[in-house]
Amino acid sequence: MGLVRLRIRELADEKGWTLQEVAARSGVPYSTITTYARSSGMATVDVTALQKLARTFDLMIEDLLESVKE
């Protein structure tokens, strides 16, 4: 099973947003945003959170993900 990393921090930086702003704009709890942003690789993520984040950044879900080696 592969791991994925979410590109939240990079995407927020491109928009000039803080992680708190990402949480407020997306409706995803700040604690979830920081967990995802700090993780170097995860096996599972909340699909609803991914949908909200993709909509917030105006991207497709796959554009949020980066594959990382185990």
PDB file of N, CA and C in Angstrom:
ATOM      1  N   MET A   1       0.845  -1.180   0.000  1.00  0.00           N
ATOM      2  CA  MET A   1       0.000   0.000   0.000  1.00  0.00           C
ATOM      3  C   MET A   1       0.891   1.243   0.000  1.00  0.00           C
ATOM      4  N   GLY A   2       0.636   2.169  -0.896  1.00  0.00           N
ATOM      5  CA  GLY A   2       1.433   3.383  -0.980  1.00  0.00           C
ATOM      6  C   GLY A   2       0.932   4.475  -0.039  1.00  0.00           C
ATOM      7  N   LEU A   3       1.784   5.434   0.193  1.00  0.00           N
ATOM      8  CA  LEU A   3       1.431   6.568   1.036  1.00  0.00           C
ATOM      9  C   LEU A   3       1.249   7.805   0.175  1.00  0.00           C
ATOM     10  N   VAL A   4       0.411   8.717   0.645  1.00  0.00           N
ATOM     11  CA  VAL A   4       0.222   9.985  -0.050  1.00  0.00           C
ATOM     12  C   VAL A   4       0.502  11.136   0.902  1.00  0.00           C
ATOM     13  N   ARG A   5       0.885  12.236   0.315  1.00  0.00           N
ATOM     14  CA  ARG A   5       1.080  13.483   1.053  1.00  0.00           C
ATOM     15  C   ARG A   5       0.171  14.511   0.401  1.00  0.00           C
ATOM     16  N   LEU A   6      -0.496  15.305   1.230  1.00  0.00           N
ATOM     17  CA  LEU A   6      -1.354  16.362   0.699  1.00  0.00           C
ATOM     18  C   LEU A   6      -0.535  17.645   0.558  1.00  0.00           C
ATOM     19  N   ARG A   7      -0.704  18.326  -0.543  1.00  0.00           N
ATOM     20  CA  ARG A   7       0.075  19.522  -0.869  1.00  0.00           C
ATOM     21  C   ARG A   7      -0.568  20.798  -0.297  1.00  0.00           C
ATOM     22  N   ILE A   8      -1.170  20.703   0.863  1.00  0.00           N
ATOM     23  CA  ILE A   8      -1.920  21.820   1.440  1.00  0.00           C
ATOM     24  C   ILE A   8      -1.041  23.043   1.672  1.00  0.00           C
ATOM     25  N   ARG A   9       0.103  22.851   2.288  1.00  0.00           N
ATOM     26  CA  ARG A   9       0.952  23.994   2.617  1.00  0.00           C
ATOM     27  C   ARG A   9       1.411  24.729   1.354  1.00  0.00           C
ATOM     28  N   GLU A  10       1.829  23.991   0.346  1.00  0.00           N
ATOM     29  CA  GLU A  10       2.287  24.621  -0.890  1.00  0.00           C
ATOM     30  C   GLU A  10       1.157  25.389  -1.580  1.00  0.00           C
ATOM     31  N   LEU A  11      -0.020  24.774  -1.622  1.00  0.00           N
ATOM     32  CA  LEU A  11      -1.164  25.411  -2.267  1.00  0.00           C
ATOM     33  C   LEU A  11      -1.614  26.654  -1.496  1.00  0.00           C
ATOM     34  N   ALA A  12      -1.585  26.580  -0.182  1.00  0.00           N
ATOM     35  CA  ALA A  12      -1.939  27.749   0.638  1.00  0.00           C
ATOM     36  C   ALA A  12      -0.939  28.877   0.410  1.00  0.00           C
ATOM     37  N   ASP A  13       0.340  28.539   0.355  1.00  0.00           N
ATOM     38  CA  ASP A  13       1.376  29.546   0.114  1.00  0.00           C
ATOM     39  C   ASP A  13       1.172  30.234  -1.236  1.00  0.00           C
ATOM     40  N   GLU A  14       0.805  29.465  -2.253  1.00  0.00           N
ATOM     41  CA  GLU A  14       0.558  30.041  -3.584  1.00  0.00           C
ATOM     42  C   GLU A  14      -0.580  31.065  -3.549  1.00  0.00           C
ATOM     43  N   LYS A  15      -1.574  30.811  -2.706  1.00  0.00           N
ATOM     44  CA  LYS A  15      -2.727  31.712  -2.600  1.00  0.00           C
ATOM     45  C   LYS A  15      -2.473  32.842  -1.597  1.00  0.00           C
ATOM     46  N   GLY A  16      -1.385  32.711  -0.816  1.00  0.00           N
ATOM     47  CA  GLY A  16      -1.117  33.701   0.222  1.00  0.00           C
ATOM     48  C   GLY A  16      -1.988  33.500   1.455  1.00  0.00           C
ATOM     49  N   TRP A  17      -2.448  32.265   1.693  1.00  0.00           N
ATOM     50  CA  TRP A  17      -3.324  31.945   2.810  1.00  0.00           C
ATOM     51  C   TRP A  17      -2.546  31.255   3.918  1.00  0.00           C
ATOM     52  N   THR A  18      -2.991  31.466   5.150  1.00  0.00           N
ATOM     53  CA  THR A  18      -2.478  30.688   6.273  1.00  0.00           C
ATOM     54  C   THR A  18      -3.280  29.389   6.342  1.00  0.00           C
ATOM     55  N   LEU A  19      -2.800  28.448   7.149  1.00  0.00           N
ATOM     56  CA  LEU A  19      -3.560  27.207   7.321  1.00  0.00           C
ATOM     57  C   LEU A  19      -4.890  27.480   8.018  1.00  0.00           C
ATOM     58  N   GLN A  20      -4.938  28.491   8.881  1.00  0.00           N
ATOM     59  CA  GLN A  20      -6.209  28.863   9.520  1.00  0.00           C
ATOM     60  C   GLN A  20      -7.204  29.373   8.474  1.00  0.00           C
ATOM     61  N   GLU A  21      -6.711  30.127   7.498  1.00  0.00           N
ATOM     62  CA  GLU A  21      -7.590  30.604   6.428  1.00  0.00           C
ATOM     63  C   GLU A  21      -8.102  29.434   5.584  1.00  0.00           C
ATOM     64  N   VAL A  22      -7.227  28.464   5.319  1.00  0.00           N
ATOM     65  CA  VAL A  22      -7.646  27.282   4.564  1.00  0.00           C
ATOM     66  C   VAL A  22      -8.771  26.571   5.318  1.00  0.00           C
ATOM     67  N   ALA A  23      -8.615  26.428   6.631  1.00  0.00           N
ATOM     68  CA  ALA A  23      -9.647  25.777   7.447  1.00  0.00           C
ATOM     69  C   ALA A  23     -10.957  26.553   7.372  1.00  0.00           C
ATOM     70  N   ALA A  24     -10.893  27.866   7.521  1.00  0.00           N
ATOM     71  CA  ALA A  24     -12.103  28.690   7.493  1.00  0.00           C
ATOM     72  C   ALA A  24     -12.780  28.643   6.127  1.00  0.00           C
ATOM     73  N   ARG A  25     -11.998  28.692   5.067  1.00  0.00           N
ATOM     74  CA  ARG A  25     -12.559  28.702   3.713  1.00  0.00           C
ATOM     75  C   ARG A  25     -13.144  27.342   3.320  1.00  0.00           C
ATOM     76  N   SER A  26     -12.527  26.269   3.813  1.00  0.00           N
ATOM     77  CA  SER A  26     -12.934  24.924   3.399  1.00  0.00           C
ATOM     78  C   SER A  26     -13.986  24.298   4.305  1.00  0.00           C
ATOM     79  N   GLY A  27     -14.034  24.725   5.556  1.00  0.00           N
ATOM     80  CA  GLY A  27     -14.924  24.068   6.508  1.00  0.00           C
ATOM     81  C   GLY A  27     -14.319  22.818   7.113  1.00  0.00           C
ATOM     82  N   VAL A  28     -13.048  22.555   6.820  1.00  0.00           N
ATOM     83  CA  VAL A  28     -12.336  21.416   7.396  1.00  0.00           C
ATOM     84  C   VAL A  28     -11.692  21.911   8.697  1.00  0.00           C
ATOM     85  N   PRO A  29     -11.834  21.180   9.795  1.00  0.00           N
ATOM     86  CA  PRO A  29     -11.264  21.641  11.065  1.00  0.00           C
ATOM     87  C   PRO A  29      -9.762  21.950  10.956  1.00  0.00           C
ATOM     88  N   TYR A  30      -9.358  23.004  11.653  1.00  0.00           N
ATOM     89  CA  TYR A  30      -7.952  23.424  11.643  1.00  0.00           C
ATOM     90  C   TYR A  30      -7.032  22.288  12.077  1.00  0.00           C
ATOM     91  N   SER A  31      -7.446  21.511  13.064  1.00  0.00           N
ATOM     92  CA  SER A  31      -6.607  20.398  13.537  1.00  0.00           C
ATOM     93  C   SER A  31      -6.373  19.379  12.418  1.00  0.00           C
ATOM     94  N   THR A  32      -7.372  19.142  11.595  1.00  0.00           N
ATOM     95  CA  THR A  32      -7.231  18.224  10.458  1.00  0.00           C
ATOM     96  C   THR A  32      -6.297  18.819   9.416  1.00  0.00           C
ATOM     97  N   ILE A  33      -6.464  20.098   9.132  1.00  0.00           N
ATOM     98  CA  ILE A  33      -5.599  20.780   8.159  1.00  0.00           C
ATOM     99  C   ILE A  33      -4.142  20.690   8.595  1.00  0.00           C
ATOM    100  N   THR A  34      -3.862  20.982   9.855  1.00  0.00           N
ATOM    101  CA  THR A  34      -2.465  20.950  10.321  1.00  0.00           C
ATOM    102  C   THR A  34      -1.911  19.532  10.313  1.00  0.00           C
ATOM    103  N   THR A  35      -2.729  18.560  10.657  1.00  0.00           N
ATOM    104  CA  THR A  35      -2.274  17.162  10.602  1.00  0.00           C
ATOM    105  C   THR A  35      -1.894  16.787   9.183  1.00  0.00           C
ATOM    106  N   TYR A  36      -2.765  17.109   8.233  1.00  0.00           N
ATOM    107  CA  TYR A  36      -2.492  16.795   6.835  1.00  0.00           C
ATOM    108  C   TYR A  36      -1.277  17.564   6.316  1.00  0.00           C
ATOM    109  N   ALA A  37      -1.158  18.827   6.684  1.00  0.00           N
ATOM    110  CA  ALA A  37      -0.065  19.663   6.181  1.00  0.00           C
ATOM    111  C   ALA A  37       1.288  19.218   6.728  1.00  0.00           C
ATOM    112  N   ARG A  38       1.314  18.690   7.940  1.00  0.00           N
ATOM    113  CA  ARG A  38       2.583  18.297   8.580  1.00  0.00           C
ATOM    114  C   ARG A  38       3.012  16.868   8.265  1.00  0.00           C
ATOM    115  N   SER A  39       2.085  16.057   7.805  1.00  0.00           N
ATOM    116  CA  SER A  39       2.385  14.648   7.573  1.00  0.00           C
ATOM    117  C   SER A  39       3.247  14.459   6.330  1.00  0.00           C
ATOM    118  N   SER A  40       4.268  13.634   6.478  1.00  0.00           N
ATOM    119  CA  SER A  40       5.133  13.338   5.333  1.00  0.00           C
ATOM    120  C   SER A  40       4.580  12.188   4.494  1.00  0.00           C
ATOM    121  N   GLY A  41       3.555  11.513   5.008  1.00  0.00           N
ATOM    122  CA  GLY A  41       2.920  10.434   4.262  1.00  0.00           C
ATOM    123  C   GLY A  41       1.837   9.766   5.072  1.00  0.00           C
ATOM    124  N   MET A  42       0.673   9.574   4.468  1.00  0.00           N
ATOM    125  CA  MET A  42      -0.466   8.967   5.153  1.00  0.00           C
ATOM    126  C   MET A  42      -1.018   7.819   4.314  1.00  0.00           C
ATOM    127  N   ALA A  43      -1.564   6.828   4.996  1.00  0.00           N
ATOM    128  CA  ALA A  43      -2.192   5.712   4.298  1.00  0.00           C
ATOM    129  C   ALA A  43      -3.677   5.969   4.080  1.00  0.00           C
ATOM    130  N   THR A  44      -4.296   6.765   4.960  1.00  0.00           N
ATOM    131  CA  THR A  44      -5.718   7.060   4.830  1.00  0.00           C
ATOM    132  C   THR A  44      -5.966   8.554   5.041  1.00  0.00           C
ATOM    133  N   VAL A  45      -6.977   9.056   4.363  1.00  0.00           N
ATOM    134  CA  VAL A  45      -7.424  10.443   4.537  1.00  0.00           C
ATOM    135  C   VAL A  45      -8.944  10.457   4.446  1.00  0.00           C
ATOM    136  N   ASP A  46      -9.554  11.506   4.951  1.00  0.00           N
ATOM    137  CA  ASP A  46     -10.998  11.674   4.918  1.00  0.00           C
ATOM    138  C   ASP A  46     -11.401  12.197   3.538  1.00  0.00           C
ATOM    139  N   VAL A  47     -12.174  11.424   2.808  1.00  0.00           N
ATOM    140  CA  VAL A  47     -12.564  11.789   1.450  1.00  0.00           C
ATOM    141  C   VAL A  47     -13.405  13.074   1.441  1.00  0.00           C
ATOM    142  N   THR A  48     -14.253  13.249   2.430  1.00  0.00           N
ATOM    143  CA  THR A  48     -15.057  14.477   2.499  1.00  0.00           C
ATOM    144  C   THR A  48     -14.152  15.692   2.655  1.00  0.00           C
ATOM    145  N   ALA A  49     -13.126  15.580   3.488  1.00  0.00           N
ATOM    146  CA  ALA A  49     -12.165  16.680   3.658  1.00  0.00           C
ATOM    147  C   ALA A  49     -11.437  16.947   2.346  1.00  0.00           C
ATOM    148  N   LEU A  50     -11.058  15.885   1.630  1.00  0.00           N
ATOM    149  CA  LEU A  50     -10.388  16.064   0.337  1.00  0.00           C
ATOM    150  C   LEU A  50     -11.284  16.810  -0.641  1.00  0.00           C
ATOM    151  N   GLN A  51     -12.573  16.466  -0.671  1.00  0.00           N
ATOM    152  CA  GLN A  51     -13.510  17.143  -1.569  1.00  0.00           C
ATOM    153  C   GLN A  51     -13.610  18.627  -1.226  1.00  0.00           C
ATOM    154  N   LYS A  52     -13.707  18.934   0.049  1.00  0.00           N
ATOM    155  CA  LYS A  52     -13.804  20.336   0.478  1.00  0.00           C
ATOM    156  C   LYS A  52     -12.527  21.099   0.135  1.00  0.00           C
ATOM    157  N   LEU A  53     -11.377  20.478   0.362  1.00  0.00           N
ATOM    158  CA  LEU A  53     -10.102  21.139   0.062  1.00  0.00           C
ATOM    159  C   LEU A  53      -9.933  21.354  -1.435  1.00  0.00           C
ATOM    160  N   ALA A  54     -10.292  20.356  -2.220  1.00  0.00           N
ATOM    161  CA  ALA A  54     -10.189  20.497  -3.671  1.00  0.00           C
ATOM    162  C   ALA A  54     -11.073  21.645  -4.153  1.00  0.00           C
ATOM    163  N   ARG A  55     -12.268  21.729  -3.633  1.00  0.00           N
ATOM    164  CA  ARG A  55     -13.184  22.813  -4.002  1.00  0.00           C
ATOM    165  C   ARG A  55     -12.613  24.172  -3.572  1.00  0.00           C
ATOM    166  N   THR A  56     -12.023  24.233  -2.402  1.00  0.00           N
ATOM    167  CA  THR A  56     -11.452  25.478  -1.886  1.00  0.00           C
ATOM    168  C   THR A  56     -10.309  25.968  -2.763  1.00  0.00           C
ATOM    169  N   PHE A  57      -9.455  25.037  -3.180  1.00  0.00           N
ATOM    170  CA  PHE A  57      -8.306  25.409  -4.013  1.00  0.00           C
ATOM    171  C   PHE A  57      -8.645  25.405  -5.505  1.00  0.00           C
ATOM    172  N   ASP A  58      -9.894  25.051  -5.845  1.00  0.00           N
ATOM    173  CA  ASP A  58     -10.352  24.983  -7.227  1.00  0.00           C
ATOM    174  C   ASP A  58      -9.500  24.015  -8.042  1.00  0.00           C
ATOM    175  N   LEU A  59      -9.332  22.813  -7.472  1.00  0.00           N
ATOM    176  CA  LEU A  59      -8.533  21.751  -8.094  1.00  0.00           C
ATOM    177  C   LEU A  59      -9.308  20.446  -8.083  1.00  0.00           C
ATOM    178  N   MET A  60      -8.815  19.485  -8.832  1.00  0.00           N
ATOM    179  CA  MET A  60      -9.337  18.128  -8.733  1.00  0.00           C
ATOM    180  C   MET A  60      -8.625  17.463  -7.553  1.00  0.00           C
ATOM    181  N   ILE A  61      -9.268  16.483  -6.933  1.00  0.00           N
ATOM    182  CA  ILE A  61      -8.689  15.829  -5.755  1.00  0.00           C
ATOM    183  C   ILE A  61      -7.287  15.307  -6.044  1.00  0.00           C
ATOM    184  N   GLU A  62      -7.090  14.705  -7.201  1.00  0.00           N
ATOM    185  CA  GLU A  62      -5.765  14.133  -7.491  1.00  0.00           C
ATOM    186  C   GLU A  62      -4.663  15.193  -7.531  1.00  0.00           C
ATOM    187  N   ASP A  63      -5.030  16.458  -7.761  1.00  0.00           N
ATOM    188  CA  ASP A  63      -4.030  17.528  -7.760  1.00  0.00           C
ATOM    189  C   ASP A  63      -3.582  17.898  -6.355  1.00  0.00           C
ATOM    190  N   LEU A  64      -4.323  17.465  -5.342  1.00  0.00           N
ATOM    191  CA  LEU A  64      -3.931  17.700  -3.950  1.00  0.00           C
ATOM    192  C   LEU A  64      -2.924  16.668  -3.464  1.00  0.00           C
ATOM    193  N   LEU A  65      -2.890  15.522  -4.131  1.00  0.00           N
ATOM    194  CA  LEU A  65      -2.115  14.379  -3.661  1.00  0.00           C
ATOM    195  C   LEU A  65      -0.748  14.276  -4.313  1.00  0.00           C
ATOM    196  N   GLU A  66       0.196  13.808  -3.529  1.00  0.00           N
ATOM    197  CA  GLU A  66       1.525  13.499  -4.026  1.00  0.00           C
ATOM    198  C   GLU A  66       1.893  12.124  -3.484  1.00  0.00           C
ATOM    199  N   SER A  67       2.261  11.208  -4.340  1.00  0.00           N
ATOM    200  CA  SER A  67       2.687   9.885  -3.884  1.00  0.00           C
ATOM    201  C   SER A  67       4.057   9.967  -3.253  1.00  0.00           C
ATOM    202  N   VAL A  68       4.203   9.265  -2.138  1.00  0.00           N
ATOM    203  CA  VAL A  68       5.502   9.187  -1.472  1.00  0.00           C
ATOM    204  C   VAL A  68       5.818   7.714  -1.241  1.00  0.00           C
ATOM    205  N   LYS A  69       7.095   7.430  -1.158  1.00  0.00           N
ATOM    206  CA  LYS A  69       7.513   6.043  -0.921  1.00  0.00           C
ATOM    207  C   LYS A  69       7.281   5.681   0.536  1.00  0.00           C
ATOM    208  N   GLU A  70       7.038   4.409   0.768  1.00  0.00           N
ATOM    209  CA  GLU A  70       6.842   3.923   2.141  1.00  0.00           C
ATOM    210  C   GLU A  70       8.138   3.869   2.884  1.00  0.00           C
TER     211      GLU A  70
END
